[in-house]
Amino acid sequence: MTSSHQLLWTGFRGLDAPEVELPFAPGGLILFARNLDPDPVAGPARCRALVAGLQARYGAELPLAVALDQEGGPVSRLRPWVGPTPPLRRIWTGGGAEACATWGRLWGEGLCLLGFNVDFAPVVDLWDGHPDAGIGDRAASADPTEVAAAAGAFLHGLESTGVRGCLKHFPGLGGTTLDSHLGLPALTEGPQIDRNVAAFIPLAHPDRLVMVAHLRTPASAPLPASLHRGSVLANPWGLQGRFLPDDLEMGGCADWSWDDRVRLSLEAGHQWLLVCQSPEGWTACAEAAGRLPEALCRGPLQAARAMRRNLIPGALPFEPQAWQAWLERLRAATGKT
């Protein structure tokens, strides 16, 4: 086992901690629907026990980063327990920044009760209304200023609970139609790229998580932006953050070997390696990380560990009454949105 494995923010299989098997000790975990019991009564408590067990196993020295994709709308891992909820675009158009902050705070409170300390939200991509666009109503607006206002308010609410947010998907997928889960989308026009980035600039700072898209631009070609230093740490807009690539198992970077994906990610300036979907994928990623020169891993490891020191460890037991009270407030907000 090498320390480079702590750069992995990985998916896993299993709904209970004893059945989770990983051949390495990661620095972060991300849960999906496959890890959540859909039973709305038993599921939340079971999730809390799962997170607590994994924190005990992998987070004894430093809190483990434990994340979920909880945006609301079409990307809502909690949907079996909470029902349908509005996407960011509907929240923004219906209630502006105040409603976005309310929803960010609601999701943060719920995630805290479940033991999560990171939410891979909000989307900062621009809405373009194209029927084939992969983002759709997950994006608040076609106007970068409005997107920054909506996402910034959501972040303010979310992070007021102690749960970290994450800006995604830098430098912005607005104007693309190919889903990066399936292949590598591309943007060729500089003004479109600059317009996309304009939504991120007011929200980014050195301690902010920023997820970088598998997106080919004229500057990154033939690489996706996610694997290109000039699009990550040395981006021309001077945007700073704690960068991580979108899932390294996605189709948008599948043309590169695991050794290249991992090496290029760290050379680009990422502090984490996000790998989500299969045992084959996260094992290959971990093995590739283990073959890297120590010098290439040293800086990212220090940065990742520094972030983990400030995460909520999630040590409190599940509180059914608090969960029920939160659920009632969430449903009331859904009815008003």
C-alpha atoms as a PDB file:
ATOM      1  CA  MET A   1       0.000   0.000   0.000  1.00  0.00           C
ATOM      2  CA  THR A   2       1.413   3.381  -0.971  1.00  0.00           C
ATOM      3  CA  SER A   3       0.524   6.860   0.223  1.00  0.00           C
ATOM      4  CA  SER A   4      -0.303   7.833  -3.356  1.00  0.00           C
ATOM      5  CA  HIS A   5      -3.550   5.860  -2.969  1.00  0.00           C
ATOM      6  CA  GLN A   6      -4.752   8.618  -0.640  1.00  0.00           C
ATOM      7  CA  LEU A   7      -5.059  10.805  -3.739  1.00  0.00           C
ATOM      8  CA  LEU A   8      -7.988   8.643  -4.869  1.00  0.00           C
ATOM      9  CA  TRP A   9     -11.535   9.819  -4.332  1.00  0.00           C
ATOM     10  CA  THR A  10     -13.169   6.561  -5.222  1.00  0.00           C
ATOM     11  CA  GLY A  11     -16.485   4.830  -5.644  1.00  0.00           C
ATOM     12  CA  PHE A  12     -17.079   1.422  -4.126  1.00  0.00           C
ATOM     13  CA  ARG A  13     -19.584  -1.417  -3.914  1.00  0.00           C
ATOM     14  CA  GLY A  14     -21.680  -2.232  -0.871  1.00  0.00           C
ATOM     15  CA  LEU A  15     -24.378  -0.821   1.418  1.00  0.00           C
ATOM     16  CA  ASP A  16     -22.782  -1.776   4.741  1.00  0.00           C
ATOM     17  CA  ALA A  17     -19.229  -1.084   5.851  1.00  0.00           C
ATOM     18  CA  PRO A  18     -18.201  -4.722   6.520  1.00  0.00           C
ATOM     19  CA  GLU A  19     -18.938  -5.685   2.897  1.00  0.00           C
ATOM     20  CA  VAL A  20     -16.900  -2.832   1.365  1.00  0.00           C
ATOM     21  CA  GLU A  21     -13.697  -4.196  -0.128  1.00  0.00           C
ATOM     22  CA  LEU A  22     -11.040  -1.886  -1.540  1.00  0.00           C
ATOM     23  CA  PRO A  23      -7.459  -3.036  -2.214  1.00  0.00           C
ATOM     24  CA  PHE A  24      -6.103   0.297  -0.936  1.00  0.00           C
ATOM     25  CA  ALA A  25      -6.886   3.026   1.611  1.00  0.00           C
ATOM     26  CA  PRO A  26      -8.364   6.025  -0.261  1.00  0.00           C
ATOM     27  CA  GLY A  27      -8.383   9.643   0.846  1.00  0.00           C
ATOM     28  CA  GLY A  28     -11.979  10.127  -0.257  1.00  0.00           C
ATOM     29  CA  LEU A  29     -15.104   8.153  -1.101  1.00  0.00           C
ATOM     30  CA  ILE A  30     -18.133   9.007  -3.218  1.00  0.00           C
ATOM     31  CA  LEU A  31     -21.457   7.248  -2.752  1.00  0.00           C
ATOM     32  CA  PHE A  32     -23.969   6.496  -5.499  1.00  0.00           C
ATOM     33  CA  ALA A  33     -27.458   5.024  -5.595  1.00  0.00           C
ATOM     34  CA  ARG A  34     -25.860   1.564  -5.513  1.00  0.00           C
ATOM     35  CA  ASN A  35     -24.629   2.335  -1.967  1.00  0.00           C
ATOM     36  CA  LEU A  36     -27.979   3.569  -0.613  1.00  0.00           C
ATOM     37  CA  ASP A  37     -30.817   1.364   0.594  1.00  0.00           C
ATOM     38  CA  PRO A  38     -33.875   2.833  -1.210  1.00  0.00           C
ATOM     39  CA  ASP A  39     -36.147   2.141   1.752  1.00  0.00           C
ATOM     40  CA  PRO A  40     -37.093   5.636   3.016  1.00  0.00           C
ATOM     41  CA  VAL A  41     -37.383   4.380   6.595  1.00  0.00           C
ATOM     42  CA  ALA A  42     -34.326   2.150   6.929  1.00  0.00           C
ATOM     43  CA  GLY A  43     -32.161   3.725   4.236  1.00  0.00           C
ATOM     44  CA  PRO A  44     -30.995   6.963   5.912  1.00  0.00           C
ATOM     45  CA  ALA A  45     -29.888   5.247   9.138  1.00  0.00           C
ATOM     46  CA  ARG A  46     -28.159   2.522   7.131  1.00  0.00           C
ATOM     47  CA  CYS A  47     -26.325   5.171   5.103  1.00  0.00           C
ATOM     48  CA  ARG A  48     -25.183   6.921   8.282  1.00  0.00           C
ATOM     49  CA  ALA A  49     -23.858   3.629   9.655  1.00  0.00           C
ATOM     50  CA  LEU A  50     -22.049   2.952   6.364  1.00  0.00           C
ATOM     51  CA  VAL A  51     -20.319   6.334   6.418  1.00  0.00           C
ATOM     52  CA  ALA A  52     -19.414   5.975  10.110  1.00  0.00           C
ATOM     53  CA  GLY A  53     -17.921   2.543   9.487  1.00  0.00           C
ATOM     54  CA  LEU A  54     -15.830   3.773   6.571  1.00  0.00           C
ATOM     55  CA  GLN A  55     -14.668   6.796   8.564  1.00  0.00           C
ATOM     56  CA  ALA A  56     -13.559   4.431  11.323  1.00  0.00           C
ATOM     57  CA  ARG A  57     -11.662   2.295   8.816  1.00  0.00           C
ATOM     58  CA  TYR A  58     -10.055   4.925   6.596  1.00  0.00           C
ATOM     59  CA  GLY A  59     -10.351   8.191   8.544  1.00  0.00           C
ATOM     60  CA  ALA A  60      -8.688   7.395  11.863  1.00  0.00           C
ATOM     61  CA  GLU A  61      -5.709   9.691  11.181  1.00  0.00           C
ATOM     62  CA  LEU A  62      -7.518  12.373   9.157  1.00  0.00           C
ATOM     63  CA  PRO A  63     -11.224  12.717   8.372  1.00  0.00           C
ATOM     64  CA  LEU A  64     -12.115  10.886   5.187  1.00  0.00           C
ATOM     65  CA  ALA A  65     -13.622  13.022   2.417  1.00  0.00           C
ATOM     66  CA  VAL A  66     -17.077  11.510   1.839  1.00  0.00           C
ATOM     67  CA  ALA A  67     -19.073  12.960  -1.039  1.00  0.00           C
ATOM     68  CA  LEU A  68     -22.370  12.675  -2.854  1.00  0.00           C
ATOM     69  CA  ASP A  69     -23.719  14.202  -6.074  1.00  0.00           C
ATOM     70  CA  GLN A  70     -26.677  15.982  -4.506  1.00  0.00           C
ATOM     71  CA  GLU A  71     -27.763  18.852  -6.728  1.00  0.00           C
ATOM     72  CA  GLY A  72     -31.510  18.290  -6.624  1.00  0.00           C
ATOM     73  CA  GLY A  73     -33.633  17.882  -9.733  1.00  0.00           C
ATOM     74  CA  PRO A  74     -32.374  15.141 -12.070  1.00  0.00           C
ATOM     75  CA  VAL A  75     -29.175  14.546 -10.074  1.00  0.00           C
ATOM     76  CA  SER A  76     -30.461  13.634  -6.630  1.00  0.00           C
ATOM     77  CA  ARG A  77     -29.032  10.514  -5.000  1.00  0.00           C
ATOM     78  CA  LEU A  78     -31.446  11.046  -2.098  1.00  0.00           C
ATOM     79  CA  ARG A  79     -34.517  10.956  -4.347  1.00  0.00           C
ATOM     80  CA  PRO A  80     -35.793   7.538  -3.082  1.00  0.00           C
ATOM     81  CA  TRP A  81     -35.998   9.042   0.406  1.00  0.00           C
ATOM     82  CA  VAL A  82     -37.068  12.614  -0.319  1.00  0.00           C
ATOM     83  CA  GLY A  83     -39.007  12.384  -3.589  1.00  0.00           C
ATOM     84  CA  PRO A  84     -38.704  14.763  -6.552  1.00  0.00           C
ATOM     85  CA  THR A  85     -36.994  18.094  -5.880  1.00  0.00           C
ATOM     86  CA  PRO A  86     -36.428  21.117  -8.133  1.00  0.00           C
ATOM     87  CA  PRO A  87     -33.345  21.601 -10.320  1.00  0.00           C
ATOM     88  CA  LEU A  88     -31.193  24.695  -9.931  1.00  0.00           C
ATOM     89  CA  ARG A  89     -32.728  26.433 -12.946  1.00  0.00           C
ATOM     90  CA  ARG A  90     -36.229  26.222 -11.488  1.00  0.00           C
ATOM     91  CA  ILE A  91     -35.027  27.374  -8.083  1.00  0.00           C
ATOM     92  CA  TRP A  92     -33.273  30.391  -9.607  1.00  0.00           C
ATOM     93  CA  THR A  93     -36.028  31.436 -11.966  1.00  0.00           C
ATOM     94  CA  GLY A  94     -38.678  30.994  -9.284  1.00  0.00           C
ATOM     95  CA  GLY A  95     -37.002  32.499  -6.243  1.00  0.00           C
ATOM     96  CA  GLY A  96     -33.630  34.004  -7.140  1.00  0.00           C
ATOM     97  CA  ALA A  97     -30.599  33.958  -4.896  1.00  0.00           C
ATOM     98  CA  GLU A  98     -32.598  33.664  -1.671  1.00  0.00           C
ATOM     99  CA  ALA A  99     -34.208  30.408  -2.839  1.00  0.00           C
ATOM    100  CA  CYS A 100     -30.843  29.051  -4.030  1.00  0.00           C
ATOM    101  CA  ALA A 101     -29.315  29.737  -0.615  1.00  0.00           C
ATOM    102  CA  THR A 102     -32.275  28.068   1.100  1.00  0.00           C
ATOM    103  CA  TRP A 103     -31.862  24.942  -0.996  1.00  0.00           C
ATOM    104  CA  GLY A 104     -28.101  24.844  -0.510  1.00  0.00           C
ATOM    105  CA  ARG A 105     -28.610  25.042   3.249  1.00  0.00           C
ATOM    106  CA  LEU A 106     -31.306  22.361   3.176  1.00  0.00           C
ATOM    107  CA  TRP A 107     -29.118  19.930   1.282  1.00  0.00           C
ATOM    108  CA  GLY A 108     -26.185  20.681   3.568  1.00  0.00           C
ATOM    109  CA  GLU A 109     -28.237  20.014   6.691  1.00  0.00           C
ATOM    110  CA  GLY A 110     -29.492  16.715   5.311  1.00  0.00           C
ATOM    111  CA  LEU A 111     -26.036  15.618   4.210  1.00  0.00           C
ATOM    112  CA  CYS A 112     -24.631  16.422   7.655  1.00  0.00           C
ATOM    113  CA  LEU A 113     -27.233  14.152   9.239  1.00  0.00           C
ATOM    114  CA  LEU A 114     -26.057  11.359   6.931  1.00  0.00           C
ATOM    115  CA  GLY A 115     -22.345  11.918   7.632  1.00  0.00           C
ATOM    116  CA  PHE A 116     -21.280  13.514   4.339  1.00  0.00           C
ATOM    117  CA  ASN A 117     -18.787  16.371   4.349  1.00  0.00           C
ATOM    118  CA  VAL A 118     -18.641  17.160   0.591  1.00  0.00           C
ATOM    119  CA  ASP A 119     -21.353  17.744  -1.989  1.00  0.00           C
ATOM    120  CA  PHE A 120     -20.295  17.682  -5.646  1.00  0.00           C
ATOM    121  CA  ALA A 121     -22.537  20.654  -6.381  1.00  0.00           C
ATOM    122  CA  PRO A 122     -23.429  23.169  -7.711  1.00  0.00           C
ATOM    123  CA  VAL A 123     -23.306  23.099 -11.497  1.00  0.00           C
ATOM    124  CA  VAL A 124     -21.737  26.316 -12.830  1.00  0.00           C
ATOM    125  CA  ASP A 125     -22.160  25.446 -16.509  1.00  0.00           C
ATOM    126  CA  LEU A 126     -24.307  27.734 -18.651  1.00  0.00           C
ATOM    127  CA  TRP A 127     -27.806  26.675 -19.692  1.00  0.00           C
ATOM    128  CA  ASP A 128     -28.171  26.658 -23.477  1.00  0.00           C
ATOM    129  CA  GLY A 129     -31.571  25.055 -24.017  1.00  0.00           C
ATOM    130  CA  HIS A 130     -30.254  22.535 -26.520  1.00  0.00           C
ATOM    131  CA  PRO A 131     -32.358  19.344 -26.375  1.00  0.00           C
ATOM    132  CA  ASP A 132     -29.257  17.137 -26.555  1.00  0.00           C
ATOM    133  CA  ALA A 133     -27.246  19.040 -23.936  1.00  0.00           C
ATOM    134  CA  GLY A 134     -26.098  16.870 -21.063  1.00  0.00           C
ATOM    135  CA  ILE A 135     -26.558  19.581 -18.426  1.00  0.00           C
ATOM    136  CA  GLY A 136     -30.072  20.872 -19.100  1.00  0.00           C
ATOM    137  CA  ASP A 137     -31.909  22.400 -16.132  1.00  0.00           C
ATOM    138  CA  ARG A 138     -29.060  21.515 -13.804  1.00  0.00           C
ATOM    139  CA  ALA A 139     -27.681  24.888 -15.002  1.00  0.00           C
ATOM    140  CA  ALA A 140     -29.369  28.000 -13.628  1.00  0.00           C
ATOM    141  CA  SER A 141     -29.208  30.379 -16.589  1.00  0.00           C
ATOM    142  CA  ALA A 142     -27.680  31.258 -19.948  1.00  0.00           C
ATOM    143  CA  ASP A 143     -26.222  34.419 -18.364  1.00  0.00           C
ATOM    144  CA  PRO A 144     -22.828  33.953 -16.628  1.00  0.00           C
ATOM    145  CA  THR A 145     -23.633  36.657 -14.073  1.00  0.00           C
ATOM    146  CA  GLU A 146     -26.884  34.933 -13.124  1.00  0.00           C
ATOM    147  CA  VAL A 147     -25.212  31.524 -12.955  1.00  0.00           C
ATOM    148  CA  ALA A 148     -22.564  32.919 -10.603  1.00  0.00           C
ATOM    149  CA  ALA A 149     -25.265  34.488  -8.433  1.00  0.00           C
ATOM    150  CA  ALA A 150     -27.324  31.294  -8.282  1.00  0.00           C
ATOM    151  CA  ALA A 151     -24.379  28.962  -7.682  1.00  0.00           C
ATOM    152  CA  GLY A 152     -22.794  31.379  -5.212  1.00  0.00           C
ATOM    153  CA  ALA A 153     -25.978  31.585  -3.151  1.00  0.00           C
ATOM    154  CA  PHE A 154     -26.344  27.785  -3.204  1.00  0.00           C
ATOM    155  CA  LEU A 155     -22.733  27.457  -2.030  1.00  0.00           C
ATOM    156  CA  HIS A 156     -23.255  30.001   0.736  1.00  0.00           C
ATOM    157  CA  GLY A 157     -26.186  28.004   2.065  1.00  0.00           C
ATOM    158  CA  LEU A 158     -24.477  24.649   1.657  1.00  0.00           C
ATOM    159  CA  GLU A 159     -21.180  25.616   3.217  1.00  0.00           C
ATOM    160  CA  SER A 160     -22.869  27.391   6.135  1.00  0.00           C
ATOM    161  CA  THR A 161     -23.631  23.849   7.371  1.00  0.00           C
ATOM    162  CA  GLY A 162     -19.989  22.750   7.204  1.00  0.00           C
ATOM    163  CA  VAL A 163     -20.389  20.708   4.014  1.00  0.00           C
ATOM    164  CA  ARG A 164     -17.995  21.669   1.227  1.00  0.00           C
ATOM    165  CA  GLY A 165     -19.331  22.389  -2.242  1.00  0.00           C
ATOM    166  CA  CYS A 166     -17.598  21.912  -5.577  1.00  0.00           C
ATOM    167  CA  LEU A 167     -17.742  24.037  -8.734  1.00  0.00           C
ATOM    168  CA  LYS A 168     -18.378  21.939 -11.818  1.00  0.00           C
ATOM    169  CA  HIS A 169     -17.612  21.463 -14.692  1.00  0.00           C
ATOM    170  CA  PHE A 170     -14.742  23.927 -15.338  1.00  0.00           C
ATOM    171  CA  PRO A 171     -14.091  25.505 -17.846  1.00  0.00           C
ATOM    172  CA  GLY A 172     -17.785  24.971 -18.638  1.00  0.00           C
ATOM    173  CA  LEU A 173     -19.816  22.609 -20.797  1.00  0.00           C
ATOM    174  CA  GLY A 174     -22.257  25.230 -22.086  1.00  0.00           C
ATOM    175  CA  GLY A 175     -22.583  24.933 -25.852  1.00  0.00           C
ATOM    176  CA  THR A 176     -21.704  21.226 -26.018  1.00  0.00           C
ATOM    177  CA  THR A 177     -24.062  18.415 -26.954  1.00  0.00           C
ATOM    178  CA  LEU A 178     -22.007  15.239 -26.489  1.00  0.00           C
ATOM    179  CA  ASP A 179     -22.278  13.798 -22.970  1.00  0.00           C
ATOM    180  CA  SER A 180     -18.738  13.456 -21.581  1.00  0.00           C
ATOM    181  CA  HIS A 181     -19.763  10.187 -19.912  1.00  0.00           C
ATOM    182  CA  LEU A 182     -19.900   8.761 -23.449  1.00  0.00           C
ATOM    183  CA  GLY A 183     -17.198  10.607 -25.373  1.00  0.00           C
ATOM    184  CA  LEU A 184     -15.101  13.755 -25.538  1.00  0.00           C
ATOM    185  CA  PRO A 185     -17.126  16.918 -26.250  1.00  0.00           C
ATOM    186  CA  ALA A 186     -15.353  19.858 -27.848  1.00  0.00           C
ATOM    187  CA  LEU A 187     -15.666  23.625 -28.022  1.00  0.00           C
ATOM    188  CA  THR A 188     -13.846  25.473 -30.780  1.00  0.00           C
ATOM    189  CA  GLU A 189     -14.882  29.106 -30.267  1.00  0.00           C
ATOM    190  CA  GLY A 190     -12.842  31.197 -27.825  1.00  0.00           C
ATOM    191  CA  PRO A 191     -15.682  33.609 -26.992  1.00  0.00           C
ATOM    192  CA  GLN A 192     -17.939  30.696 -25.936  1.00  0.00           C
ATOM    193  CA  ILE A 193     -15.201  29.290 -23.693  1.00  0.00           C
ATOM    194  CA  ASP A 194     -14.522  32.687 -22.116  1.00  0.00           C
ATOM    195  CA  ARG A 195     -18.251  33.191 -21.546  1.00  0.00           C
ATOM    196  CA  ASN A 196     -18.469  29.792 -19.824  1.00  0.00           C
ATOM    197  CA  VAL A 197     -15.505  30.589 -17.594  1.00  0.00           C
ATOM    198  CA  ALA A 198     -16.989  33.946 -16.591  1.00  0.00           C
ATOM    199  CA  ALA A 199     -19.482  32.144 -14.337  1.00  0.00           C
ATOM    200  CA  PHE A 200     -16.694  30.412 -12.401  1.00  0.00           C
ATOM    201  CA  ILE A 201     -14.412  33.392 -11.796  1.00  0.00           C
ATOM    202  CA  PRO A 202     -16.421  35.106  -8.990  1.00  0.00           C
ATOM    203  CA  LEU A 203     -16.766  31.833  -7.077  1.00  0.00           C
ATOM    204  CA  ALA A 204     -13.276  30.343  -7.192  1.00  0.00           C
ATOM    205  CA  HIS A 205     -10.520  30.754  -4.607  1.00  0.00           C
ATOM    206  CA  PRO A 206      -7.505  28.636  -3.570  1.00  0.00           C
ATOM    207  CA  ASP A 207      -9.492  26.555  -1.061  1.00  0.00           C
ATOM    208  CA  ARG A 208     -12.504  25.925  -3.333  1.00  0.00           C
ATOM    209  CA  LEU A 209     -13.025  22.487  -4.886  1.00  0.00           C
ATOM    210  CA  VAL A 210     -13.188  22.777  -8.680  1.00  0.00           C
ATOM    211  CA  MET A 211     -14.070  19.781 -10.864  1.00  0.00           C
ATOM    212  CA  VAL A 212     -12.554  19.977 -14.356  1.00  0.00           C
ATOM    213  CA  ALA A 213     -14.474  18.654 -17.338  1.00  0.00           C
ATOM    214  CA  HIS A 214     -13.418  16.172 -19.967  1.00  0.00           C
ATOM    215  CA  LEU A 215     -13.740  18.780 -22.693  1.00  0.00           C
ATOM    216  CA  ARG A 216     -11.451  19.427 -25.647  1.00  0.00           C
ATOM    217  CA  THR A 217     -10.683  23.062 -26.356  1.00  0.00           C
ATOM    218  CA  PRO A 218      -8.286  24.615 -28.901  1.00  0.00           C
ATOM    219  CA  ALA A 219      -5.830  25.221 -26.060  1.00  0.00           C
ATOM    220  CA  SER A 220      -5.984  21.682 -24.677  1.00  0.00           C
ATOM    221  CA  ALA A 221      -6.113  19.663 -27.923  1.00  0.00           C
ATOM    222  CA  PRO A 222      -5.544  16.819 -28.371  1.00  0.00           C
ATOM    223  CA  LEU A 223      -6.051  16.364 -24.621  1.00  0.00           C
ATOM    224  CA  PRO A 224      -9.230  17.056 -22.680  1.00  0.00           C
ATOM    225  CA  ALA A 225      -8.986  20.111 -20.439  1.00  0.00           C
ATOM    226  CA  SER A 226      -9.030  17.752 -17.448  1.00  0.00           C
ATOM    227  CA  LEU A 227      -5.612  16.352 -18.418  1.00  0.00           C
ATOM    228  CA  HIS A 228      -4.015  19.580 -19.614  1.00  0.00           C
ATOM    229  CA  ARG A 229      -1.957  21.769 -17.266  1.00  0.00           C
ATOM    230  CA  GLY A 230      -2.710  24.870 -19.328  1.00  0.00           C
ATOM    231  CA  SER A 231      -6.399  24.301 -18.595  1.00  0.00           C
ATOM    232  CA  VAL A 232      -6.021  23.434 -14.903  1.00  0.00           C
ATOM    233  CA  LEU A 233      -3.316  24.906 -12.654  1.00  0.00           C
ATOM    234  CA  ALA A 234      -1.899  27.154 -15.399  1.00  0.00           C
ATOM    235  CA  ASN A 235      -5.267  28.178 -16.852  1.00  0.00           C
ATOM    236  CA  PRO A 236      -5.117  31.550 -18.657  1.00  0.00           C
ATOM    237  CA  TRP A 237      -7.899  33.076 -16.534  1.00  0.00           C
ATOM    238  CA  GLY A 238      -5.889  32.776 -13.321  1.00  0.00           C
ATOM    239  CA  LEU A 239      -8.667  30.778 -11.675  1.00  0.00           C
ATOM    240  CA  GLN A 240      -7.452  29.059  -8.512  1.00  0.00           C
ATOM    241  CA  GLY A 241      -8.847  26.130  -6.594  1.00  0.00           C
ATOM    242  CA  ARG A 242      -8.415  22.621  -5.296  1.00  0.00           C
ATOM    243  CA  PHE A 243      -8.730  20.937  -8.667  1.00  0.00           C
ATOM    244  CA  LEU A 244      -9.896  17.411  -9.362  1.00  0.00           C
ATOM    245  CA  PRO A 245     -10.782  15.834 -12.718  1.00  0.00           C
ATOM    246  CA  ASP A 246     -14.252  14.580 -13.479  1.00  0.00           C
ATOM    247  CA  ASP A 247     -14.537  10.798 -13.129  1.00  0.00           C
ATOM    248  CA  LEU A 248     -11.495   9.232 -14.804  1.00  0.00           C
ATOM    249  CA  GLU A 249     -13.618   6.276 -15.925  1.00  0.00           C
ATOM    250  CA  MET A 250     -15.749   8.440 -18.198  1.00  0.00           C
ATOM    251  CA  GLY A 251     -15.728   8.126 -21.962  1.00  0.00           C
ATOM    252  CA  GLY A 252     -14.281  11.614 -22.301  1.00  0.00           C
ATOM    253  CA  CYS A 253     -10.814  10.385 -21.291  1.00  0.00           C
ATOM    254  CA  ALA A 254     -11.055   6.705 -22.255  1.00  0.00           C
ATOM    255  CA  ASP A 255      -8.624   7.082 -25.168  1.00  0.00           C
ATOM    256  CA  TRP A 256      -5.743   7.447 -22.707  1.00  0.00           C
ATOM    257  CA  SER A 257      -4.203   4.603 -20.716  1.00  0.00           C
ATOM    258  CA  TRP A 258      -4.598   4.580 -16.944  1.00  0.00           C
ATOM    259  CA  ASP A 259      -0.914   5.419 -16.535  1.00  0.00           C
ATOM    260  CA  ASP A 260      -1.380   8.447 -18.787  1.00  0.00           C
ATOM    261  CA  ARG A 261      -4.670   9.530 -17.192  1.00  0.00           C
ATOM    262  CA  VAL A 262      -3.165   9.494 -13.711  1.00  0.00           C
ATOM    263  CA  ARG A 263       0.174  11.037 -14.654  1.00  0.00           C
ATOM    264  CA  LEU A 264      -1.371  13.768 -16.783  1.00  0.00           C
ATOM    265  CA  SER A 265      -3.922  14.558 -14.049  1.00  0.00           C
ATOM    266  CA  LEU A 266      -1.211  15.228 -11.485  1.00  0.00           C
ATOM    267  CA  GLU A 267       1.036  17.037 -13.951  1.00  0.00           C
ATOM    268  CA  ALA A 268      -1.973  19.236 -14.773  1.00  0.00           C
ATOM    269  CA  GLY A 269      -2.247  20.314 -11.143  1.00  0.00           C
ATOM    270  CA  HIS A 270      -5.041  18.167  -9.717  1.00  0.00           C
ATOM    271  CA  GLN A 271      -5.011  17.448  -5.978  1.00  0.00           C
ATOM    272  CA  TRP A 272      -7.278  14.412  -6.235  1.00  0.00           C
ATOM    273  CA  LEU A 273      -7.971  11.521  -8.643  1.00  0.00           C
ATOM    274  CA  LEU A 274     -11.719  10.923  -8.972  1.00  0.00           C
ATOM    275  CA  VAL A 275     -12.611   7.383 -10.071  1.00  0.00           C
ATOM    276  CA  CYS A 276     -16.144   6.196  -9.506  1.00  0.00           C
ATOM    277  CA  GLN A 277     -17.730   3.332 -11.367  1.00  0.00           C
ATOM    278  CA  SER A 278     -16.098  -0.096 -11.263  1.00  0.00           C
ATOM    279  CA  PRO A 279     -13.654  -2.221  -9.246  1.00  0.00           C
ATOM    280  CA  GLU A 280     -11.592  -2.596 -12.411  1.00  0.00           C
ATOM    281  CA  GLY A 281     -11.399   1.174 -12.808  1.00  0.00           C
ATOM    282  CA  TRP A 282     -10.499   2.134  -9.271  1.00  0.00           C
ATOM    283  CA  THR A 283      -8.000  -0.729  -9.006  1.00  0.00           C
ATOM    284  CA  ALA A 284      -6.326   0.312 -12.278  1.00  0.00           C
ATOM    285  CA  CYS A 285      -6.227   3.922 -11.111  1.00  0.00           C
ATOM    286  CA  ALA A 286      -4.699   2.947  -7.756  1.00  0.00           C
ATOM    287  CA  GLU A 287      -2.091   0.754  -9.441  1.00  0.00           C
ATOM    288  CA  ALA A 288      -1.173   3.543 -11.849  1.00  0.00           C
ATOM    289  CA  ALA A 289      -0.854   5.983  -8.935  1.00  0.00           C
ATOM    290  CA  GLY A 290       1.399   3.504  -7.167  1.00  0.00           C
ATOM    291  CA  ARG A 291       3.797   3.548 -10.142  1.00  0.00           C
ATOM    292  CA  LEU A 292       4.218   7.316 -10.105  1.00  0.00           C
ATOM    293  CA  PRO A 293       7.432   8.989  -8.938  1.00  0.00           C
ATOM    294  CA  GLU A 294       7.175  10.106  -5.334  1.00  0.00           C
ATOM    295  CA  ALA A 295       8.081  13.655  -6.329  1.00  0.00           C
ATOM    296  CA  LEU A 296       4.977  13.938  -8.530  1.00  0.00           C
ATOM    297  CA  CYS A 297       2.679  12.834  -5.687  1.00  0.00           C
ATOM    298  CA  ARG A 298       4.228  14.844  -2.865  1.00  0.00           C
ATOM    299  CA  GLY A 299       2.541  18.188  -3.531  1.00  0.00           C
ATOM    300  CA  PRO A 300      -0.940  16.799  -4.256  1.00  0.00           C
ATOM    301  CA  LEU A 301      -0.762  14.580  -1.178  1.00  0.00           C
ATOM    302  CA  GLN A 302       0.118  17.513   1.047  1.00  0.00           C
ATOM    303  CA  ALA A 303      -2.737  19.542  -0.429  1.00  0.00           C
ATOM    304  CA  ALA A 304      -5.266  16.724  -0.105  1.00  0.00           C
ATOM    305  CA  ARG A 305      -4.273  16.041   3.488  1.00  0.00           C
ATOM    306  CA  ALA A 306      -4.506  19.739   4.336  1.00  0.00           C
ATOM    307  CA  MET A 307      -8.071  19.806   3.030  1.00  0.00           C
ATOM    308  CA  ARG A 308      -9.019  16.692   4.978  1.00  0.00           C
ATOM    309  CA  ARG A 309      -7.857  18.259   8.261  1.00  0.00           C
ATOM    310  CA  ASN A 310     -10.673  20.787   7.968  1.00  0.00           C
ATOM    311  CA  LEU A 311     -13.478  18.367   7.078  1.00  0.00           C
ATOM    312  CA  ILE A 312     -16.290  17.374   9.407  1.00  0.00           C
ATOM    313  CA  PRO A 313     -15.446  13.820  10.539  1.00  0.00           C
ATOM    314  CA  GLY A 314     -19.104  12.816  10.795  1.00  0.00           C
ATOM    315  CA  ALA A 315     -18.827  11.030  14.136  1.00  0.00           C
ATOM    316  CA  LEU A 316     -22.336  11.665  15.509  1.00  0.00           C
ATOM    317  CA  PRO A 317     -24.942   8.860  15.433  1.00  0.00           C
ATOM    318  CA  PHE A 318     -27.994   9.092  13.211  1.00  0.00           C
ATOM    319  CA  GLU A 319     -30.843  11.138  14.676  1.00  0.00           C
ATOM    320  CA  PRO A 320     -34.238   9.916  13.372  1.00  0.00           C
ATOM    321  CA  GLN A 321     -36.171  12.867  14.836  1.00  0.00           C
ATOM    322  CA  ALA A 322     -33.794  15.395  13.309  1.00  0.00           C
ATOM    323  CA  TRP A 323     -34.026  13.600   9.956  1.00  0.00           C
ATOM    324  CA  GLN A 324     -37.822  13.648  10.045  1.00  0.00           C
ATOM    325  CA  ALA A 325     -37.889  17.344  10.928  1.00  0.00           C
ATOM    326  CA  TRP A 326     -35.466  18.085   8.085  1.00  0.00           C
ATOM    327  CA  LEU A 327     -37.542  16.013   5.676  1.00  0.00           C
ATOM    328  CA  GLU A 328     -40.660  17.992   6.544  1.00  0.00           C
ATOM    329  CA  ARG A 329     -38.869  21.284   5.882  1.00  0.00           C
ATOM    330  CA  LEU A 330     -37.504  19.958   2.590  1.00  0.00           C
ATOM    331  CA  ARG A 331     -40.945  18.878   1.425  1.00  0.00           C
ATOM    332  CA  ALA A 332     -42.401  22.221   2.414  1.00  0.00           C
ATOM    333  CA  ALA A 333     -39.727  23.976   0.342  1.00  0.00           C
ATOM    334  CA  THR A 334     -40.413  21.647  -2.589  1.00  0.00           C
ATOM    335  CA  GLY A 335     -44.054  22.600  -2.480  1.00  0.00           C
ATOM    336  CA  LYS A 336     -43.172  26.299  -2.647  1.00  0.00           C
ATOM    337  CA  THR A 337     -40.615  26.015  -5.482  1.00  0.00           C
END
